[in-house]
Amino acid sequence: MTTQGSSRSSHKAIIGFALIAALYFVWPIPHTITLRFVLLGATLLYFGLLVRGRCGDFRGNREITLLVTLYLTLSAWIVINALLISPEPAWALDEIQGQWGNAALSLVAGVLISAAVQRRIISAPGVIMTLLAALAVHTLYLDASSLHAWFTKGVLLRRSEGLTGGPDKSNYLTIAFLGFLFSEVYYRSVRQSRFVPVNRWLLGGMIVLGLFAFYLEEIRNGLAPIALILASFLVLYVIGHKDKIKLGQLVRNAVLLACIAGAFVLFIVKTDPRWHNVEESAKLAWQTQDNSAWLNDDPSHQQKSLPSGHPVEASTYLRTVMLKEGLQIVAAHPLGVGYGRNAFGHALKAKYGQGTGHSHSGLLDLAIGVGIPGVVLWLALLGYGAYVGAAAFLRRNSYPGLALLVLVIAFGVRMIFDSVIRDHMLQQFLFTAALLATLALPLRTAESKPV
C-alpha cells in the first residue's frame, strides 16, 4: 500500500474510533437524547459508507443465522402483540418505535463496525480498547469525585452515580468495564498473549479503579453478575482443559477463586447496612395483602416494624411487593398487555384505576408487556448468544466470544433485579452484543483492504 493510501486508512480509523468513543461515552449520560441520536446517526452513516453496505453474508454461518432468526421472531411477536393482543395498541406501537426501533438501529451500528473490522479498516483490539477507554472515563470520574469529597469534606461519598442518572446506572457501566477487564485477564491466562493492547500494570490498575467504583456505588444487585462471571471462567477452564486438568489443581483454583470472591462479597455486605434486614423485609412484603400504601406512593409501608424490631428495608420491601403483584398480572395476562417501558404501570392502572412506572425488574416488565412467549424468545436469544460466545472462545480462543459471554451473563442477571431492558441500556447492550457476536463469528465479506 502506498504512503498516501496508508494515510487515508489511518484517518478513516481515527474518525471511526472517535465516533465509537463519543457514542459509547455519551450513551449513559442523562439529558443527552438529542446528542445520542446525532452520534448514533453519524456512526451509522460513517461506517455504512465505509463498508458500502457490504456487511457480510451470514447465510453460511449457522450461529449468526439462528441469532438473527431469534431476534426477528421476537421483533415480529412484539409487533403482533401490540396489534392483536394489547388493549392499548397505539401506546404499544409508539413504545416499539421509540424503544425497540432505536435499539435495532444500535444493533445495526454494531454490525457495521464489525464489518469495518473484517474489511481491515479498523482493528478489533482497537475497537475494544475504545470501548474500554469510554468506560474508564466514567469510572475515573466517579472515583475522583468521591475522593475529592473525602479530601475536602472528610466524607467518602457512597451511592455515587458519577456522570449517569443514578448509582444503579453507573454500576451497570462499572460491571461492563470490569467484564471486559476480567475477560482480558482470563484470555491472557489461557492464551499466554494479550488481546487488549495494554500492559499488565495498566490492566491491574484499571481493575482496581473498577472495584473501587463498585464499592462506592453500593449497589447490591451488582454482586450476582460478578460472582457468575467468575464462576463462568471456572466452568470454561474445566471444559477447555478436561483432558489435562488434575483434580487437585482444579480444587485449588476453585477454592482460591471462591476465597477471593467471598472476601470481596463479605466486605461489601459488611459495609452496607441495608443487607441486615433483607430476608425479614422480603417475607413481610410477600405476606402483605394490602398493597394500597405503595400503590399510592404512601411512605407508611416503609414505617412497618419487623418481628425483630428493626425497621423495614424499604427497597427490598417495595421490590418484593412489586414482584408479587407483577407475577399476578402475568398469570392474569399470559400473552401480555403490550410492549412498553412502563407496561407494569399500565397493567396496574387497568387493574386498580391507578399506577405508573416499572416493576424494578426488566424481565418482569417484559413478561407483563409481551407475555410468556416474548420472554421465552428473549431468553432463547440471550441463552444462545451466551452459547455462541462460549463456543467461539473454546474453539478459537476468541476474545470477542469470551467478552460476549460475560456481557450476556452480566445483562441477563441484572435484568432480573433492575429495569435495564429499556432506553439507553437496551441500546448499548444490543450494540455491544451485535458487535461482539459478529467479531466472534466473522461473516463472509468482499475483498478486504490490507492495512
Protein backbone atom coordinates (compact mmCIF):
# COMPACT_ATOMS: atom_id res chain seq x y z
CA MET A 1 0.00 0.00 0.00
CA THR A 2 1.28 3.48 -0.82
CA THR A 3 2.05 6.03 1.86
CA GLN A 4 -0.89 8.11 0.68
CA GLY A 5 -3.18 5.07 0.91
CA SER A 6 -1.91 4.26 4.41
CA SER A 7 -2.56 7.85 5.48
CA ARG A 8 -6.14 7.70 4.21
CA SER A 9 -6.73 4.40 6.03
CA SER A 10 -5.28 5.86 9.22
CA HIS A 11 -7.55 8.90 9.00
CA LYS A 12 -10.58 6.66 8.46
CA ALA A 13 -9.67 4.59 11.52
CA ILE A 14 -9.14 7.67 13.72
CA ILE A 15 -12.51 9.12 12.75
CA GLY A 16 -14.17 5.74 13.32
CA PHE A 17 -12.64 5.29 16.76
CA ALA A 18 -13.58 8.85 17.72
CA LEU A 19 -17.22 8.24 16.78
CA ILE A 20 -17.34 4.95 18.70
CA ALA A 21 -15.76 6.53 21.80
CA ALA A 22 -18.07 9.55 21.73
CA LEU A 23 -21.21 7.44 21.29
CA TYR A 24 -20.28 4.93 23.98
CA PHE A 25 -19.32 7.68 26.42
CA VAL A 26 -22.43 9.82 25.88
CA TRP A 27 -24.97 6.98 25.83
CA PRO A 28 -25.44 6.66 29.64
CA ILE A 29 -25.33 10.41 30.41
CA PRO A 30 -28.81 11.81 31.20
CA HIS A 31 -30.40 14.63 29.19
CA THR A 32 -28.34 13.83 26.09
CA ILE A 33 -31.03 12.17 23.97
CA THR A 34 -30.52 14.50 21.01
CA LEU A 35 -26.76 14.13 21.16
CA ARG A 36 -27.10 10.34 21.38
CA PHE A 37 -29.19 10.24 18.23
CA VAL A 38 -26.81 12.58 16.40
CA LEU A 39 -23.83 10.39 17.31
CA LEU A 40 -25.71 7.16 16.55
CA GLY A 41 -26.81 8.57 13.19
CA ALA A 42 -23.28 9.73 12.42
CA THR A 43 -21.91 6.29 13.35
CA LEU A 44 -24.44 4.52 11.12
CA LEU A 45 -23.75 6.87 8.23
CA TYR A 46 -19.97 6.83 8.52
CA PHE A 47 -19.49 3.09 8.92
CA GLY A 48 -22.23 2.43 6.37
CA LEU A 49 -20.27 4.46 3.82
CA LEU A 50 -17.01 2.78 4.83
CA VAL A 51 -18.32 -0.72 4.19
CA ARG A 52 -20.65 0.48 1.41
CA GLY A 53 -23.45 -1.81 2.53
CA ARG A 54 -21.26 -4.93 2.31
CA CYS A 55 -21.73 -6.04 5.92
CA GLY A 56 -21.03 -9.64 5.14
CA ASP A 57 -23.07 -12.71 4.27
CA PHE A 58 -24.33 -14.59 7.32
CA ARG A 59 -26.05 -17.34 5.36
CA GLY A 60 -23.03 -19.60 5.65
CA ASN A 61 -22.82 -19.16 9.40
CA ARG A 62 -25.43 -21.20 11.27
CA GLU A 63 -24.84 -19.45 14.60
CA ILE A 64 -25.39 -15.97 13.17
CA THR A 65 -28.37 -17.22 11.15
CA LEU A 66 -30.05 -18.56 14.29
CA LEU A 67 -29.29 -15.39 16.27
CA VAL A 68 -30.82 -13.25 13.53
CA THR A 69 -33.83 -15.58 13.28
CA LEU A 70 -34.47 -15.40 17.03
CA TYR A 71 -34.15 -11.62 17.03
CA LEU A 72 -36.51 -11.17 14.06
CA THR A 73 -39.01 -13.66 15.52
CA LEU A 74 -39.04 -11.76 18.82
CA SER A 75 -39.46 -8.45 16.95
CA ALA A 76 -42.36 -9.88 14.96
CA TRP A 77 -44.05 -11.15 18.12
CA ILE A 78 -43.70 -7.73 19.79
CA VAL A 79 -45.48 -6.08 16.85
CA ILE A 80 -48.17 -8.78 16.61
CA ASN A 81 -48.74 -8.46 20.35
CA ALA A 82 -49.26 -4.71 20.01
CA LEU A 83 -51.65 -5.04 17.07
CA LEU A 84 -53.74 -8.03 18.11
CA ILE A 85 -53.45 -8.54 21.87
CA SER A 86 -52.69 -5.27 23.65
CA PRO A 87 -55.71 -3.31 24.91
CA GLU A 88 -53.68 -0.15 24.11
CA PRO A 89 -52.25 -0.72 20.62
CA ALA A 90 -51.45 2.94 19.94
CA TRP A 91 -49.37 3.21 23.12
CA ALA A 92 -47.60 -0.11 22.45
CA LEU A 93 -46.75 0.81 18.85
CA ASP A 94 -45.39 4.16 19.98
CA GLU A 95 -43.20 2.39 22.55
CA ILE A 96 -42.00 -0.08 19.94
CA GLN A 97 -40.90 2.76 17.70
CA GLY A 98 -39.17 4.68 20.48
CA GLN A 99 -37.65 1.74 22.34
CA TRP A 100 -37.26 -1.38 20.21
CA GLY A 101 -36.76 0.58 16.99
CA ASN A 102 -33.94 2.73 18.38
CA ALA A 103 -32.34 -0.35 19.92
CA ALA A 104 -32.48 -2.02 16.48
CA LEU A 105 -30.55 0.92 15.00
CA SER A 106 -27.94 0.46 17.72
CA LEU A 107 -27.67 -3.22 16.83
CA VAL A 108 -27.11 -2.33 13.17
CA ALA A 109 -24.37 0.12 14.19
CA GLY A 110 -22.56 -2.69 15.99
CA VAL A 111 -22.75 -4.91 12.90
CA LEU A 112 -21.43 -2.12 10.65
CA ILE A 113 -18.44 -1.54 12.93
CA SER A 114 -17.73 -5.27 12.89
CA ALA A 115 -17.88 -5.22 9.08
CA ALA A 116 -15.30 -2.42 9.09
CA VAL A 117 -13.07 -4.64 11.24
CA GLN A 118 -13.49 -7.57 8.86
CA ARG A 119 -12.52 -5.34 5.93
CA ARG A 120 -9.46 -4.24 7.94
CA ILE A 121 -10.42 -0.59 8.04
CA ILE A 122 -10.13 -0.65 11.83
CA SER A 123 -8.80 -3.31 14.21
CA ALA A 124 -10.76 -5.43 16.69
CA PRO A 125 -8.36 -4.74 19.60
CA GLY A 126 -8.63 -1.05 18.79
CA VAL A 127 -12.43 -1.19 18.99
CA ILE A 128 -12.37 -2.98 22.36
CA MET A 129 -9.77 -0.52 23.66
CA THR A 130 -12.00 2.36 22.54
CA LEU A 131 -14.98 0.95 24.45
CA LEU A 132 -12.77 0.44 27.49
CA ALA A 133 -11.47 4.00 27.28
CA ALA A 134 -15.01 5.41 27.25
CA LEU A 135 -15.97 3.28 30.27
CA ALA A 136 -12.70 4.18 32.02
CA VAL A 137 -13.54 7.89 31.88
CA HIS A 138 -16.84 7.22 33.65
CA THR A 139 -15.06 5.11 36.26
CA LEU A 140 -12.30 7.65 36.84
CA TYR A 141 -14.80 10.49 37.22
CA LEU A 142 -16.79 8.58 39.81
CA ASP A 143 -13.70 7.59 41.80
CA ALA A 144 -12.17 11.07 41.61
CA SER A 145 -15.35 12.89 42.65
CA SER A 146 -15.78 10.67 45.72
CA LEU A 147 -12.13 11.04 46.71
CA HIS A 148 -12.35 14.81 46.23
CA ALA A 149 -15.27 14.93 48.66
CA TRP A 150 -13.27 12.82 51.11
CA PHE A 151 -10.25 15.11 50.96
CA THR A 152 -12.25 18.35 51.12
CA LYS A 153 -15.15 17.39 53.42
CA GLY A 154 -13.81 14.36 55.26
CA VAL A 155 -16.63 12.12 53.96
CA LEU A 156 -16.23 9.37 51.39
CA LEU A 157 -19.32 9.57 49.21
CA ARG A 158 -21.25 6.31 48.80
CA ARG A 159 -24.13 5.60 46.43
CA SER A 160 -22.09 7.58 43.90
CA GLU A 161 -23.58 7.99 40.44
CA GLY A 162 -20.76 9.62 38.50
CA LEU A 163 -21.95 11.13 35.23
CA THR A 164 -25.03 8.92 35.00
CA GLY A 165 -28.56 9.34 36.37
CA GLY A 166 -28.07 7.17 39.46
CA PRO A 167 -25.75 4.68 41.16
CA ASP A 168 -27.60 1.75 39.59
CA LYS A 169 -26.94 3.07 36.08
CA SER A 170 -23.34 3.86 36.98
CA ASN A 171 -22.89 0.36 38.37
CA TYR A 172 -24.19 -1.08 35.11
CA LEU A 173 -21.23 0.63 33.39
CA THR A 174 -18.79 -0.46 36.09
CA ILE A 175 -19.75 -4.11 35.65
CA ALA A 176 -19.34 -3.78 31.87
CA PHE A 177 -15.90 -2.22 32.46
CA LEU A 178 -14.87 -4.99 34.83
CA GLY A 179 -16.32 -7.60 32.48
CA PHE A 180 -14.03 -6.53 29.63
CA LEU A 181 -11.05 -6.40 32.00
CA PHE A 182 -11.75 -9.77 33.66
CA SER A 183 -12.14 -11.28 30.17
CA GLU A 184 -8.74 -9.94 29.21
CA VAL A 185 -7.14 -11.39 32.35
CA TYR A 186 -8.65 -14.82 31.69
CA TYR A 187 -7.78 -14.60 27.98
CA ARG A 188 -4.13 -13.91 28.83
CA SER A 189 -4.01 -16.75 31.32
CA VAL A 190 -5.24 -19.20 28.67
CA ARG A 191 -3.60 -17.83 25.52
CA GLN A 192 -0.42 -16.51 27.11
CA SER A 193 -0.85 -13.42 24.93
CA ARG A 194 -2.79 -10.19 25.08
CA PHE A 195 -5.77 -9.02 23.05
CA VAL A 196 -6.30 -5.56 24.55
CA PRO A 197 -3.11 -3.58 23.88
CA VAL A 198 -2.22 -2.58 27.47
CA ASN A 199 0.48 -3.88 29.80
CA ARG A 200 -0.36 -5.87 32.91
CA TRP A 201 0.24 -2.96 35.28
CA LEU A 202 -2.24 -0.73 33.50
CA LEU A 203 -4.68 -3.64 33.27
CA GLY A 204 -4.36 -4.27 37.03
CA GLY A 205 -4.73 -0.57 37.80
CA MET A 206 -7.95 -0.35 35.79
CA ILE A 207 -9.35 -3.36 37.66
CA VAL A 208 -8.57 -1.67 40.99
CA LEU A 209 -10.30 1.51 39.83
CA GLY A 210 -13.32 -0.54 38.71
CA LEU A 211 -13.58 -2.41 42.02
CA PHE A 212 -13.28 0.85 43.95
CA ALA A 213 -16.10 2.33 41.85
CA PHE A 214 -18.17 -0.80 42.56
CA TYR A 215 -17.65 -0.23 46.29
CA LEU A 216 -18.58 3.46 46.04
CA GLU A 217 -21.78 2.78 44.09
CA GLU A 218 -23.03 0.45 46.83
CA ILE A 219 -25.34 -1.50 44.51
CA ARG A 220 -26.27 -4.87 45.94
CA ASN A 221 -27.65 -6.16 42.65
CA GLY A 222 -24.19 -5.95 41.12
CA LEU A 223 -22.75 -8.75 43.23
CA ALA A 224 -24.55 -11.60 41.45
CA PRO A 225 -23.24 -10.74 37.94
CA ILE A 226 -19.67 -10.50 39.21
CA ALA A 227 -19.96 -13.86 41.00
CA LEU A 228 -21.44 -15.60 37.95
CA ILE A 229 -18.82 -14.13 35.62
CA LEU A 230 -16.05 -15.58 37.79
CA ALA A 231 -17.89 -18.89 38.02
CA SER A 232 -18.22 -18.99 34.23
CA PHE A 233 -14.44 -18.67 33.90
CA LEU A 234 -14.02 -21.71 36.12
CA VAL A 235 -16.51 -23.68 34.02
CA LEU A 236 -14.76 -22.65 30.80
CA TYR A 237 -11.43 -23.71 32.26
CA VAL A 238 -12.78 -27.14 33.17
CA ILE A 239 -14.34 -27.65 29.74
CA GLY A 240 -11.30 -26.39 27.87
CA HIS A 241 -8.81 -28.45 29.88
CA LYS A 242 -10.85 -31.54 30.69
CA ASP A 243 -8.20 -33.84 29.20
CA LYS A 244 -5.28 -32.22 31.00
CA ILE A 245 -6.69 -30.90 34.24
CA LYS A 246 -5.87 -32.53 37.53
CA LEU A 247 -8.44 -32.76 40.29
CA GLY A 248 -6.13 -31.27 42.89
CA GLN A 249 -5.31 -28.31 40.66
CA LEU A 250 -9.00 -27.75 39.92
CA VAL A 251 -9.89 -27.80 43.61
CA ARG A 252 -7.09 -25.36 44.45
CA ASN A 253 -8.15 -22.95 41.70
CA ALA A 254 -11.81 -23.21 42.71
CA VAL A 255 -11.02 -22.58 46.37
CA LEU A 256 -8.76 -19.64 45.52
CA LEU A 257 -11.40 -18.09 43.27
CA ALA A 258 -14.11 -18.67 45.88
CA CYS A 259 -11.97 -17.11 48.62
CA ILE A 260 -11.24 -14.00 46.55
CA ALA A 261 -14.89 -13.60 45.53
CA GLY A 262 -16.11 -14.40 49.06
CA ALA A 263 -13.80 -11.86 50.67
CA PHE A 264 -15.00 -9.15 48.27
CA VAL A 265 -18.67 -10.02 48.82
CA LEU A 266 -18.21 -10.15 52.61
CA PHE A 267 -16.54 -6.73 52.55
CA ILE A 268 -19.40 -5.24 50.51
CA VAL A 269 -22.07 -6.80 52.75
CA LYS A 270 -20.40 -5.71 55.97
CA THR A 271 -20.08 -2.12 54.77
CA ASP A 272 -23.71 -1.84 53.61
CA PRO A 273 -26.27 -1.86 56.45
CA ARG A 274 -29.15 -2.50 54.02
CA TRP A 275 -28.25 -6.20 53.94
CA HIS A 276 -29.10 -6.71 57.59
CA ASN A 277 -32.91 -6.79 57.25
CA VAL A 278 -33.30 -8.12 53.71
CA GLU A 279 -34.80 -11.53 54.48
CA GLU A 280 -37.29 -10.30 57.07
CA SER A 281 -38.37 -7.37 54.87
CA ALA A 282 -38.97 -9.67 51.90
CA LYS A 283 -41.06 -12.09 53.98
CA LEU A 284 -43.18 -9.27 55.37
CA ALA A 285 -43.75 -7.81 51.90
CA TRP A 286 -44.77 -11.19 50.45
CA GLN A 287 -47.31 -11.70 53.24
CA THR A 288 -48.77 -8.21 52.84
CA GLN A 289 -52.30 -8.32 51.48
CA ASP A 290 -52.98 -4.58 51.37
CA ASN A 291 -50.95 -3.05 48.55
CA SER A 292 -52.64 0.34 48.61
CA ALA A 293 -49.84 2.07 50.54
CA TRP A 294 -47.07 1.50 47.99
CA LEU A 295 -49.51 1.90 45.09
CA ASN A 296 -50.40 5.38 46.32
CA ASP A 297 -46.75 6.28 46.98
CA ASP A 298 -47.61 6.35 50.67
CA PRO A 299 -44.41 6.03 52.72
CA SER A 300 -46.29 4.30 55.55
CA HIS A 301 -45.33 0.90 54.14
CA GLN A 302 -41.73 1.78 54.90
CA GLN A 303 -42.51 2.53 58.53
CA LYS A 304 -43.51 -1.02 59.43
CA SER A 305 -41.56 -2.81 62.11
CA LEU A 306 -40.15 -6.25 61.57
CA PRO A 307 -40.70 -9.07 64.09
CA SER A 308 -37.13 -8.46 65.24
CA GLY A 309 -37.98 -4.83 65.99
CA HIS A 310 -35.76 -3.47 63.24
CA PRO A 311 -37.17 -1.11 60.59
CA VAL A 312 -38.21 -2.46 57.20
CA GLU A 313 -35.56 -2.26 54.47
CA ALA A 314 -37.60 -0.12 52.08
CA SER A 315 -36.04 -1.18 48.77
CA THR A 316 -36.40 -4.91 49.49
CA TYR A 317 -39.96 -4.46 50.70
CA LEU A 318 -41.01 -2.45 47.65
CA ARG A 319 -39.34 -4.77 45.14
CA THR A 320 -40.92 -7.84 46.75
CA VAL A 321 -44.41 -6.32 46.71
CA MET A 322 -43.93 -5.37 43.04
CA LEU A 323 -42.68 -8.88 42.24
CA LYS A 324 -45.74 -10.43 43.84
CA GLU A 325 -48.10 -8.04 42.06
CA GLY A 326 -46.27 -8.45 38.75
CA LEU A 327 -46.48 -12.23 38.84
CA GLN A 328 -50.22 -11.97 39.47
CA ILE A 329 -50.52 -9.71 36.41
CA VAL A 330 -48.59 -12.19 34.25
CA ALA A 331 -50.83 -15.01 35.47
CA ALA A 332 -53.90 -12.95 34.51
CA HIS A 333 -52.44 -11.85 31.14
CA PRO A 334 -50.07 -14.61 29.95
CA LEU A 335 -49.91 -13.10 26.44
CA GLY A 336 -49.07 -9.64 27.78
CA VAL A 337 -50.66 -6.20 27.79
CA GLY A 338 -48.46 -4.58 25.13
CA TYR A 339 -44.79 -3.72 24.77
CA GLY A 340 -43.62 -0.70 26.76
CA ARG A 341 -41.16 0.58 29.34
CA ASN A 342 -43.96 1.10 31.83
CA ALA A 343 -46.13 -1.90 31.00
CA PHE A 344 -46.29 -2.62 34.73
CA GLY A 345 -47.80 0.79 35.42
CA HIS A 346 -50.32 0.39 32.60
CA ALA A 347 -51.36 -3.01 33.95
CA LEU A 348 -51.74 -1.56 37.45
CA LYS A 349 -53.90 1.25 36.11
CA ALA A 350 -56.13 -1.22 34.29
CA LYS A 351 -56.47 -3.29 37.46
CA TYR A 352 -56.72 -0.63 40.17
CA GLY A 353 -57.51 2.55 38.26
CA GLN A 354 -54.12 3.98 39.16
CA GLY A 355 -50.46 3.11 38.83
CA THR A 356 -47.34 4.23 36.99
CA GLY A 357 -43.75 3.21 36.40
CA HIS A 358 -41.92 -0.08 36.13
CA SER A 359 -41.53 -3.08 38.41
CA HIS A 360 -37.76 -2.73 39.05
CA SER A 361 -37.26 -5.97 37.12
CA GLY A 362 -36.66 -5.81 33.40
CA LEU A 363 -37.60 -9.45 32.97
CA LEU A 364 -40.89 -8.96 34.82
CA ASP A 365 -41.63 -5.79 32.83
CA LEU A 366 -41.05 -7.74 29.62
CA ALA A 367 -43.29 -10.60 30.78
CA ILE A 368 -46.07 -8.15 31.63
CA GLY A 369 -45.65 -6.39 28.29
CA VAL A 370 -45.20 -9.16 25.72
CA GLY A 371 -46.24 -12.15 27.77
CA ILE A 372 -44.69 -15.54 28.31
CA PRO A 373 -43.99 -16.14 24.56
CA GLY A 374 -41.99 -12.90 24.41
CA VAL A 375 -39.97 -13.80 27.49
CA VAL A 376 -39.24 -17.28 26.11
CA LEU A 377 -37.95 -15.78 22.85
CA TRP A 378 -35.87 -13.17 24.69
CA LEU A 379 -34.31 -15.77 26.98
CA ALA A 380 -33.65 -18.01 23.98
CA LEU A 381 -31.86 -15.11 22.25
CA LEU A 382 -29.73 -14.36 25.30
CA GLY A 383 -29.06 -18.02 26.06
CA TYR A 384 -27.97 -18.79 22.53
CA GLY A 385 -25.86 -15.63 22.47
CA ALA A 386 -24.05 -16.84 25.60
CA TYR A 387 -23.54 -20.26 24.00
CA VAL A 388 -22.17 -18.68 20.83
CA GLY A 389 -19.70 -16.62 22.86
CA ALA A 390 -18.53 -19.58 24.93
CA ALA A 391 -18.19 -21.83 21.88
CA ALA A 392 -16.21 -19.19 19.97
CA PHE A 393 -13.77 -18.90 22.84
CA LEU A 394 -13.40 -22.64 23.41
CA ARG A 395 -12.98 -23.47 19.71
CA ARG A 396 -10.95 -20.49 18.52
CA ASN A 397 -9.76 -18.73 21.68
CA SER A 398 -11.81 -15.73 20.57
CA TYR A 399 -11.63 -12.77 22.97
CA PRO A 400 -14.81 -11.22 21.47
CA GLY A 401 -16.56 -14.54 22.15
CA LEU A 402 -15.44 -14.52 25.78
CA ALA A 403 -16.47 -10.88 26.17
CA LEU A 404 -19.87 -11.69 24.62
CA LEU A 405 -20.44 -14.47 27.16
CA VAL A 406 -19.53 -12.11 30.01
CA LEU A 407 -21.75 -9.33 28.62
CA VAL A 408 -24.78 -11.63 28.33
CA ILE A 409 -24.24 -13.01 31.86
CA ALA A 410 -23.97 -9.52 33.33
CA PHE A 411 -27.01 -8.17 31.48
CA GLY A 412 -29.04 -11.34 31.96
CA VAL A 413 -28.58 -11.36 35.73
CA ARG A 414 -29.06 -7.62 36.04
CA MET A 415 -32.37 -7.66 34.16
CA ILE A 416 -33.83 -9.85 36.90
CA PHE A 417 -33.28 -7.18 39.53
CA ASP A 418 -33.34 -3.90 37.55
CA SER A 419 -35.29 -2.44 34.65
CA VAL A 420 -32.48 -2.48 32.09
CA ILE A 421 -34.40 -3.76 29.03
CA ARG A 422 -35.19 -0.18 28.10
CA ASP A 423 -33.81 3.19 26.99
CA HIS A 424 -30.06 3.65 26.52
CA MET A 425 -29.28 0.48 28.49
CA LEU A 426 -31.04 -1.72 25.92
CA GLN A 427 -29.47 0.24 23.06
CA GLN A 428 -25.97 -0.06 24.49
CA PHE A 429 -26.42 -3.77 25.20
CA LEU A 430 -27.66 -4.66 21.71
CA PHE A 431 -24.93 -2.52 20.13
CA THR A 432 -22.19 -4.26 22.11
CA ALA A 433 -23.71 -7.74 21.77
CA ALA A 434 -24.08 -7.42 17.99
CA LEU A 435 -20.54 -6.09 17.68
CA LEU A 436 -19.00 -8.89 19.77
CA ALA A 437 -21.10 -11.66 18.18
CA THR A 438 -20.13 -10.69 14.63
CA LEU A 439 -16.49 -10.27 15.66
CA ALA A 440 -16.52 -13.70 17.29
CA LEU A 441 -18.19 -15.27 14.25
CA PRO A 442 -16.78 -13.47 11.20
CA LEU A 443 -19.13 -13.12 8.25
CA ARG A 444 -18.18 -13.75 4.64
CA THR A 445 -17.23 -10.38 3.18
CA ALA A 446 -15.98 -8.92 -0.03
CA GLU A 447 -12.26 -8.42 -0.57
CA SER A 448 -10.70 -6.82 2.47
CA LYS A 449 -8.33 -3.93 2.03
CA PRO A 450 -4.93 -4.55 3.57
CA VAL A 451 -3.75 -2.06 6.13
